Amino acid sequence: MEYTFVEMPDVHKNGKRVVYPRQTHCQRISYETFLKECAQYGVNHPTMVGAMDCFVRAMYSFISNGHSVKIDGVGTFDIKLGMAEGVETQTVKEKGELYDTRSVQVQGINFIPDKKWIKNLQQSITLVKADGIKELKNVKTTKEERLAIAKEYLAENKFMKIETYQYLTGLSRSAAYRELVSFRKDSNSGITTSGDGAHKVYVLR
């Protein structure tokens, strides 16, 4: 598997630049391609389709009832909750008073990979470094192109801060903030927030 180094400015603005490794993606494997690969291990297509359907149904049943699901050799899945769109914070007026349940919604699925799986990957994958260091550069883009840049970044990183989006797009901090807010308010953008106040970050829906 090939990887490269990506260079970015330090968000703490201390003059230093940060270099971190990032996988060079080949392609996204489709569901049908995955099923065909499974057939190479002795599981025919109809059986695999039925097994995957049962897997999805069982996962939905357990997770929707508040359970976490551990798959040996893969990892643990559980539900991710967050505040609804437009709800920044809520103040508890009296001790013991609950938040308005209408302000809480499902935002995704948390996944923690099995440590054995990670160990096996480390032992089986041959990492090959690509030449040079790729620098994330500022370019003139449309809002739609900047949204695509943000989603591509979030596809490879758990979260994004305003400073990161500012650098990726070349926008000023205030413009970057306003644009991220507009993405969060647009249910079709694919981007929302996690956390509050100084800890707020932007994540994929």
Protein backbone atom coordinates (compact mmCIF):
# COMPACT_ATOMS: atom_id res chain seq x y z
CA MET A 1 0.00 0.00 0.00
CA GLU A 2 1.36 3.40 -0.98
CA TYR A 3 1.34 6.44 1.28
CA THR A 4 2.58 9.98 1.12
CA PHE A 5 3.31 12.78 3.57
CA VAL A 6 0.99 15.77 3.70
CA GLU A 7 2.25 19.10 4.96
CA MET A 8 0.02 21.61 6.74
CA PRO A 9 0.61 24.66 8.93
CA ASP A 10 0.28 24.09 12.65
CA VAL A 11 -3.17 25.25 13.77
CA HIS A 12 -1.55 26.70 16.90
CA LYS A 13 0.14 29.27 14.61
CA ASN A 14 3.58 28.90 16.16
CA GLY A 15 5.30 29.12 12.79
CA LYS A 16 5.95 25.41 12.52
CA ARG A 17 4.55 23.11 9.84
CA VAL A 18 3.10 19.70 10.52
CA VAL A 19 3.85 16.68 8.35
CA TYR A 20 1.77 13.53 8.71
CA PRO A 21 1.39 10.32 6.66
CA ARG A 22 -1.72 9.72 4.56
CA GLN A 23 -2.74 6.71 2.53
CA THR A 24 -2.80 7.11 -1.24
CA HIS A 25 -6.18 5.64 -2.15
CA CYS A 26 -6.50 3.39 -5.18
CA GLN A 27 -10.27 3.16 -5.51
CA ARG A 28 -13.45 2.62 -3.51
CA ILE A 29 -14.50 -1.03 -3.61
CA SER A 30 -18.15 -1.48 -4.56
CA TYR A 31 -20.56 -3.85 -2.82
CA GLU A 32 -20.62 -6.19 -5.84
CA THR A 33 -16.82 -6.29 -6.01
CA PHE A 34 -16.72 -7.14 -2.32
CA LEU A 35 -19.19 -10.01 -2.84
CA LYS A 36 -17.12 -11.35 -5.74
CA GLU A 37 -14.03 -11.32 -3.54
CA CYS A 38 -15.92 -13.28 -0.86
CA ALA A 39 -16.69 -15.91 -3.49
CA GLN A 40 -12.93 -16.55 -3.77
CA TYR A 41 -13.06 -17.88 -0.20
CA GLY A 42 -15.74 -20.46 -0.95
CA VAL A 43 -18.93 -18.45 -0.26
CA ASN A 44 -21.22 -18.24 -3.29
CA HIS A 45 -22.95 -15.01 -4.29
CA PRO A 46 -26.55 -15.82 -3.16
CA THR A 47 -25.34 -17.08 0.22
CA MET A 48 -23.19 -13.99 0.76
CA VAL A 49 -26.03 -11.63 -0.20
CA GLY A 50 -28.30 -13.39 2.30
CA ALA A 51 -25.64 -13.28 5.01
CA MET A 52 -24.99 -9.57 4.48
CA ASP A 53 -28.72 -8.83 4.60
CA CYS A 54 -29.01 -10.73 7.89
CA PHE A 55 -25.95 -8.89 9.23
CA VAL A 56 -27.47 -5.47 8.47
CA ARG A 57 -30.85 -6.42 9.95
CA ALA A 58 -29.31 -7.82 13.14
CA MET A 59 -27.02 -4.78 13.56
CA TYR A 60 -30.00 -2.44 13.15
CA SER A 61 -32.06 -4.42 15.66
CA PHE A 62 -29.40 -4.36 18.39
CA ILE A 63 -28.04 -0.84 17.85
CA SER A 64 -31.50 0.76 17.58
CA ASN A 65 -32.27 -0.69 21.02
CA GLY A 66 -29.21 0.88 22.60
CA HIS A 67 -26.80 -2.05 22.47
CA SER A 68 -23.22 -2.05 21.23
CA VAL A 69 -22.25 -4.90 18.92
CA LYS A 70 -18.82 -6.55 18.99
CA ILE A 71 -17.74 -8.56 15.95
CA ASP A 72 -14.68 -10.66 16.76
CA GLY A 73 -11.81 -9.82 14.45
CA VAL A 74 -13.52 -6.66 13.19
CA GLY A 75 -14.51 -4.32 16.01
CA THR A 76 -17.31 -2.79 18.07
CA PHE A 77 -20.22 -0.71 16.75
CA ASP A 78 -22.56 1.57 18.70
CA ILE A 79 -24.79 4.54 18.05
CA LYS A 80 -23.58 8.14 17.99
CA LEU A 81 -25.94 10.79 19.39
CA GLY A 82 -25.78 14.55 19.10
CA MET A 83 -27.83 17.72 19.24
CA ALA A 84 -30.26 18.48 16.40
CA GLU A 85 -29.53 21.10 13.75
CA GLY A 86 -29.76 24.66 15.01
CA VAL A 87 -29.42 23.63 18.69
CA GLU A 88 -26.17 25.05 20.02
CA THR A 89 -26.51 24.64 23.80
CA GLN A 90 -29.25 24.27 26.35
CA THR A 91 -29.40 25.55 29.91
CA VAL A 92 -30.73 23.35 32.70
CA LYS A 93 -33.04 25.57 34.74
CA GLU A 94 -33.39 23.26 37.73
CA LYS A 95 -31.26 20.50 39.15
CA GLY A 96 -32.29 17.18 37.65
CA GLU A 97 -34.18 18.71 34.71
CA LEU A 98 -33.62 16.79 31.47
CA TYR A 99 -32.76 18.19 28.07
CA ASP A 100 -35.59 18.39 25.57
CA THR A 101 -35.48 14.97 23.87
CA ARG A 102 -36.57 16.58 20.59
CA SER A 103 -33.17 18.27 20.48
CA VAL A 104 -31.27 14.95 20.47
CA GLN A 105 -30.82 12.92 17.32
CA VAL A 106 -28.81 10.06 15.84
CA GLN A 107 -25.74 11.44 14.05
CA GLY A 108 -23.94 8.27 13.04
CA ILE A 109 -22.30 5.05 14.13
CA ASN A 110 -19.14 4.84 16.23
CA PHE A 111 -16.70 2.10 15.24
CA ILE A 112 -13.72 0.90 17.29
CA PRO A 113 -11.60 -1.60 15.34
CA ASP A 114 -10.52 -4.84 16.98
CA LYS A 115 -6.93 -4.60 18.24
CA LYS A 116 -6.16 -8.01 16.71
CA TRP A 117 -7.32 -6.74 13.33
CA ILE A 118 -5.05 -3.69 13.56
CA LYS A 119 -2.14 -5.93 14.60
CA ASN A 120 -2.76 -8.28 11.67
CA LEU A 121 -2.90 -5.33 9.26
CA GLN A 122 0.38 -4.00 10.62
CA GLN A 123 2.00 -7.39 10.03
CA SER A 124 0.53 -8.07 6.59
CA ILE A 125 0.64 -4.68 4.85
CA THR A 126 3.77 -3.56 3.04
CA LEU A 127 3.95 0.24 3.15
CA VAL A 128 5.61 2.00 0.23
CA LYS A 129 6.40 5.70 0.45
CA ALA A 130 5.57 7.87 -2.54
CA ASP A 131 8.14 10.42 -3.63
CA GLY A 132 8.16 13.84 -2.05
CA ILE A 133 5.84 15.65 0.32
CA LYS A 134 2.45 16.86 -0.85
CA GLU A 135 1.55 20.34 0.34
CA LEU A 136 -2.08 21.32 0.76
CA LYS A 137 -2.26 24.54 -1.21
CA ASN A 138 -4.76 27.37 -1.34
CA VAL A 139 -6.57 27.72 -4.66
CA LYS A 140 -9.49 29.80 -5.90
CA THR A 141 -12.58 27.62 -5.73
CA THR A 142 -16.37 27.80 -5.74
CA LYS A 143 -18.41 27.05 -2.64
CA GLU A 144 -19.37 23.67 -4.12
CA GLU A 145 -15.72 22.82 -4.73
CA ARG A 146 -14.82 23.87 -1.18
CA LEU A 147 -17.56 21.60 0.18
CA ALA A 148 -16.05 18.73 -1.80
CA ILE A 149 -12.62 19.56 -0.35
CA ALA A 150 -14.03 19.55 3.19
CA LYS A 151 -15.80 16.21 2.68
CA GLU A 152 -12.69 14.65 1.16
CA TYR A 153 -10.68 15.81 4.18
CA LEU A 154 -13.27 14.45 6.61
CA ALA A 155 -13.37 11.12 4.77
CA GLU A 156 -9.78 10.62 5.91
CA ASN A 157 -9.87 12.46 9.25
CA LYS A 158 -12.27 12.16 12.17
CA PHE A 159 -12.95 15.88 12.45
CA MET A 160 -12.05 19.29 11.07
CA LYS A 161 -11.50 22.60 12.85
CA ILE A 162 -12.19 26.04 11.44
CA GLU A 163 -8.44 26.69 11.18
CA THR A 164 -8.01 23.60 9.03
CA TYR A 165 -10.85 24.57 6.69
CA GLN A 166 -9.43 28.08 6.52
CA TYR A 167 -6.10 26.73 5.30
CA LEU A 168 -7.60 24.18 2.91
CA THR A 169 -9.71 26.81 1.16
CA GLY A 170 -7.72 30.03 1.56
CA LEU A 171 -10.68 31.80 3.15
CA SER A 172 -10.36 34.24 6.01
CA ARG A 173 -11.31 32.89 9.42
CA SER A 174 -14.63 34.77 9.48
CA ALA A 175 -15.51 33.64 5.94
CA ALA A 176 -14.52 30.04 6.76
CA TYR A 177 -16.71 30.14 9.88
CA ARG A 178 -19.73 31.53 8.01
CA GLU A 179 -19.38 28.93 5.27
CA LEU A 180 -19.09 26.04 7.72
CA VAL A 181 -22.19 27.28 9.53
CA SER A 182 -24.06 27.32 6.22
CA PHE A 183 -22.95 23.73 5.54
CA ARG A 184 -24.16 22.65 8.99
CA LYS A 185 -27.56 24.24 8.42
CA ASP A 186 -27.90 22.56 5.01
CA SER A 187 -29.08 18.98 5.64
CA ASN A 188 -27.86 17.99 2.17
CA SER A 189 -24.28 19.19 2.67
CA GLY A 190 -23.15 16.04 4.48
CA ILE A 191 -21.41 18.10 7.19
CA THR A 192 -22.50 18.78 10.77
CA THR A 193 -20.89 19.61 14.11
CA SER A 194 -19.81 17.72 17.20
CA GLY A 195 -19.09 19.22 20.62
CA ASP A 196 -19.83 22.69 21.97
CA GLY A 197 -18.06 26.00 22.43
CA ALA A 198 -14.28 25.84 22.07
CA HIS A 199 -14.53 22.08 21.57
CA LYS A 200 -16.85 22.28 18.57
CA VAL A 201 -15.52 20.55 15.44
CA TYR A 202 -16.99 19.67 12.07
CA VAL A 203 -17.68 16.06 11.11
CA LEU A 204 -19.46 14.08 8.42
CA ARG A 205 -23.17 13.45 9.01
